């Protein structure tokens, strides 16, 4: 996947909830293959950290050579409450802005 596309630079914003707003929960940016470091990210959760898998998100961006792509994803957090292990789900919206090199 990464060999067939030449990303010049990217910006990734992650928003809590199902909407894009003025202030993202987290922002990331980079050049070239730096996007690979953001295939799975961790955000602050209810009791620990929320895991957000962006593997399929990036696959869509790169396979379709999209300049801007927005998608709502589910983040998962495992908590232990009263001796029971539970998994919490929370919606996040990821938005990528990507520019590509001509090489």
C-alpha atoms as a PDB file:
ATOM      1  CA  UNK A   1       0.000   0.000   0.000  1.00  0.00           C
ATOM      2  CA  UNK A   2       2.657   2.561   1.009  1.00  0.00           C
ATOM      3  CA  UNK A   3       4.968   1.832  -1.948  1.00  0.00           C
ATOM      4  CA  UNK A   4       2.449   2.793  -4.648  1.00  0.00           C
ATOM      5  CA  UNK A   5       1.634   6.260  -3.318  1.00  0.00           C
ATOM      6  CA  UNK A   6       3.928   9.173  -2.568  1.00  0.00           C
ATOM      7  CA  UNK A   7       2.459  11.356   0.138  1.00  0.00           C
ATOM      8  CA  UNK A   8       4.119  14.749   0.215  1.00  0.00           C
ATOM      9  CA  UNK A   9       2.512  15.888   3.465  1.00  0.00           C
ATOM     10  CA  UNK A  10      -0.587  15.278   5.547  1.00  0.00           C
ATOM     11  CA  UNK A  11      -2.600  16.660   8.423  1.00  0.00           C
ATOM     12  CA  UNK A  12      -4.835  14.430  10.529  1.00  0.00           C
ATOM     13  CA  UNK A  13      -7.416  15.898  12.906  1.00  0.00           C
ATOM     14  CA  UNK A  14      -9.415  13.709  15.298  1.00  0.00           C
ATOM     15  CA  UNK A  15     -12.626  15.056  16.799  1.00  0.00           C
ATOM     16  CA  UNK A  16     -14.647  13.605  19.674  1.00  0.00           C
ATOM     17  CA  UNK A  17     -18.137  12.722  18.441  1.00  0.00           C
ATOM     18  CA  UNK A  18     -19.672  12.479  14.990  1.00  0.00           C
ATOM     19  CA  UNK A  19     -19.041  16.057  13.857  1.00  0.00           C
ATOM     20  CA  UNK A  20     -16.069  18.103  12.667  1.00  0.00           C
ATOM     21  CA  UNK A  21     -15.658  21.192  14.856  1.00  0.00           C
ATOM     22  CA  UNK A  22     -13.226  24.079  15.235  1.00  0.00           C
ATOM     23  CA  UNK A  23     -11.120  22.370  17.877  1.00  0.00           C
ATOM     24  CA  UNK A  24      -9.946  18.795  17.329  1.00  0.00           C
ATOM     25  CA  UNK A  25      -9.226  16.444  20.215  1.00  0.00           C
ATOM     26  CA  UNK A  26      -5.822  15.721  18.646  1.00  0.00           C
ATOM     27  CA  UNK A  27      -3.942  16.884  15.545  1.00  0.00           C
ATOM     28  CA  UNK A  28      -1.086  15.168  13.785  1.00  0.00           C
ATOM     29  CA  UNK A  29       0.949  16.100  10.727  1.00  0.00           C
ATOM     30  CA  UNK A  30       3.907  14.826   8.794  1.00  0.00           C
ATOM     31  CA  UNK A  31       5.530  14.081   5.475  1.00  0.00           C
ATOM     32  CA  UNK A  32       6.176  10.988   3.407  1.00  0.00           C
ATOM     33  CA  UNK A  33       5.577   7.742   5.259  1.00  0.00           C
ATOM     34  CA  UNK A  34       5.017   9.459   8.635  1.00  0.00           C
ATOM     35  CA  UNK A  35       1.288   8.636   8.269  1.00  0.00           C
ATOM     36  CA  UNK A  36       2.176   5.029   9.106  1.00  0.00           C
ATOM     37  CA  UNK A  37       2.800   6.100  12.713  1.00  0.00           C
ATOM     38  CA  UNK A  38      -0.870   7.072  12.957  1.00  0.00           C
ATOM     39  CA  UNK A  39      -2.542   3.823  11.877  1.00  0.00           C
ATOM     40  CA  UNK A  40      -3.544   3.299  15.509  1.00  0.00           C
ATOM     41  CA  UNK A  41      -3.737   6.177  17.959  1.00  0.00           C
ATOM     42  CA  UNK A  42      -4.570   6.513  21.637  1.00  0.00           C
ATOM     43  CA  UNK A  43      -6.744   9.219  23.166  1.00  0.00           C
ATOM     44  CA  UNK A  44      -7.751  10.074  26.692  1.00  0.00           C
ATOM     45  CA  UNK A  45     -10.772   8.070  27.756  1.00  0.00           C
ATOM     46  CA  UNK A  46     -13.202   7.650  30.612  1.00  0.00           C
ATOM     47  CA  UNK A  47     -10.815   5.733  32.850  1.00  0.00           C
ATOM     48  CA  UNK A  48      -7.702   5.291  30.774  1.00  0.00           C
ATOM     49  CA  UNK A  49      -7.050   5.411  27.070  1.00  0.00           C
ATOM     50  CA  UNK A  50      -9.229   4.936  24.022  1.00  0.00           C
ATOM     51  CA  UNK A  51      -7.767   2.985  21.106  1.00  0.00           C
ATOM     52  CA  UNK A  52      -8.712   4.276  17.659  1.00  0.00           C
ATOM     53  CA  UNK A  53      -7.771   2.072  14.723  1.00  0.00           C
ATOM     54  CA  UNK A  54      -7.171   4.121  11.559  1.00  0.00           C
ATOM     55  CA  UNK A  55      -5.846   1.314   9.360  1.00  0.00           C
ATOM     56  CA  UNK A  56      -8.923   1.145   7.081  1.00  0.00           C
ATOM     57  CA  UNK A  57      -9.248   4.949   7.136  1.00  0.00           C
ATOM     58  CA  UNK A  58      -5.741   5.364   5.690  1.00  0.00           C
ATOM     59  CA  UNK A  59      -6.326   2.517   3.251  1.00  0.00           C
ATOM     60  CA  UNK A  60      -9.289   4.435   1.761  1.00  0.00           C
ATOM     61  CA  UNK A  61      -7.329   7.694   1.630  1.00  0.00           C
ATOM     62  CA  UNK A  62      -4.317   6.179  -0.091  1.00  0.00           C
ATOM     63  CA  UNK A  63      -6.100   3.712  -2.388  1.00  0.00           C
ATOM     64  CA  UNK A  64      -8.286   6.514  -3.736  1.00  0.00           C
ATOM     65  CA  UNK A  65      -5.590   9.212  -3.544  1.00  0.00           C
ATOM     66  CA  UNK A  66      -7.991  11.475  -1.656  1.00  0.00           C
ATOM     67  CA  UNK A  67      -7.028  15.071  -0.867  1.00  0.00           C
ATOM     68  CA  UNK A  68      -9.571  15.382   1.966  1.00  0.00           C
ATOM     69  CA  UNK A  69     -11.361  12.529   3.693  1.00  0.00           C
ATOM     70  CA  UNK A  70     -13.610  12.501   6.749  1.00  0.00           C
ATOM     71  CA  UNK A  71     -14.993   9.413   8.482  1.00  0.00           C
ATOM     72  CA  UNK A  72     -16.646   8.622  11.804  1.00  0.00           C
ATOM     73  CA  UNK A  73     -14.944   5.745  13.642  1.00  0.00           C
ATOM     74  CA  UNK A  74     -15.440   3.910  16.920  1.00  0.00           C
ATOM     75  CA  UNK A  75     -12.818   4.113  19.631  1.00  0.00           C
ATOM     76  CA  UNK A  76     -12.623   1.341  22.226  1.00  0.00           C
ATOM     77  CA  UNK A  77     -11.626   1.523  25.869  1.00  0.00           C
ATOM     78  CA  UNK A  78     -11.404  -1.449  28.211  1.00  0.00           C
ATOM     79  CA  UNK A  79     -12.306  -0.727  31.833  1.00  0.00           C
ATOM     80  CA  UNK A  80     -12.721  -2.839  34.956  1.00  0.00           C
ATOM     81  CA  UNK A  81     -15.664  -1.892  37.138  1.00  0.00           C
ATOM     82  CA  UNK A  82     -16.783  -3.863  40.188  1.00  0.00           C
ATOM     83  CA  UNK A  83     -14.486  -6.691  39.117  1.00  0.00           C
ATOM     84  CA  UNK A  84     -16.099  -6.913  35.669  1.00  0.00           C
ATOM     85  CA  UNK A  85     -14.219  -6.143  32.472  1.00  0.00           C
ATOM     86  CA  UNK A  86     -16.197  -3.956  30.083  1.00  0.00           C
ATOM     87  CA  UNK A  87     -15.482  -2.372  26.761  1.00  0.00           C
ATOM     88  CA  UNK A  88     -16.693   1.176  26.188  1.00  0.00           C
ATOM     89  CA  UNK A  89     -17.283   2.469  22.656  1.00  0.00           C
ATOM     90  CA  UNK A  90     -17.072   6.118  21.693  1.00  0.00           C
ATOM     91  CA  UNK A  91     -17.512   7.850  18.333  1.00  0.00           C
ATOM     92  CA  UNK A  92     -14.682   9.913  16.877  1.00  0.00           C
ATOM     93  CA  UNK A  93     -14.417  11.674  13.536  1.00  0.00           C
ATOM     94  CA  UNK A  94     -11.110  11.594  11.690  1.00  0.00           C
ATOM     95  CA  UNK A  95     -10.308  14.071   8.939  1.00  0.00           C
ATOM     96  CA  UNK A  96      -7.203  13.864   6.762  1.00  0.00           C
ATOM     97  CA  UNK A  97      -5.901  16.507   4.378  1.00  0.00           C
ATOM     98  CA  UNK A  98      -3.238  15.039   2.111  1.00  0.00           C
ATOM     99  CA  UNK A  99      -1.029  16.340  -0.682  1.00  0.00           C
ATOM    100  CA  UNK A 100       0.845  13.994  -2.981  1.00  0.00           C
ATOM    101  CA  UNK A 101       4.157  14.311  -4.792  1.00  0.00           C
ATOM    102  CA  UNK A 102       4.271  13.744  -8.558  1.00  0.00           C
ATOM    103  CA  UNK A 103       7.052  11.149  -8.380  1.00  0.00           C
END
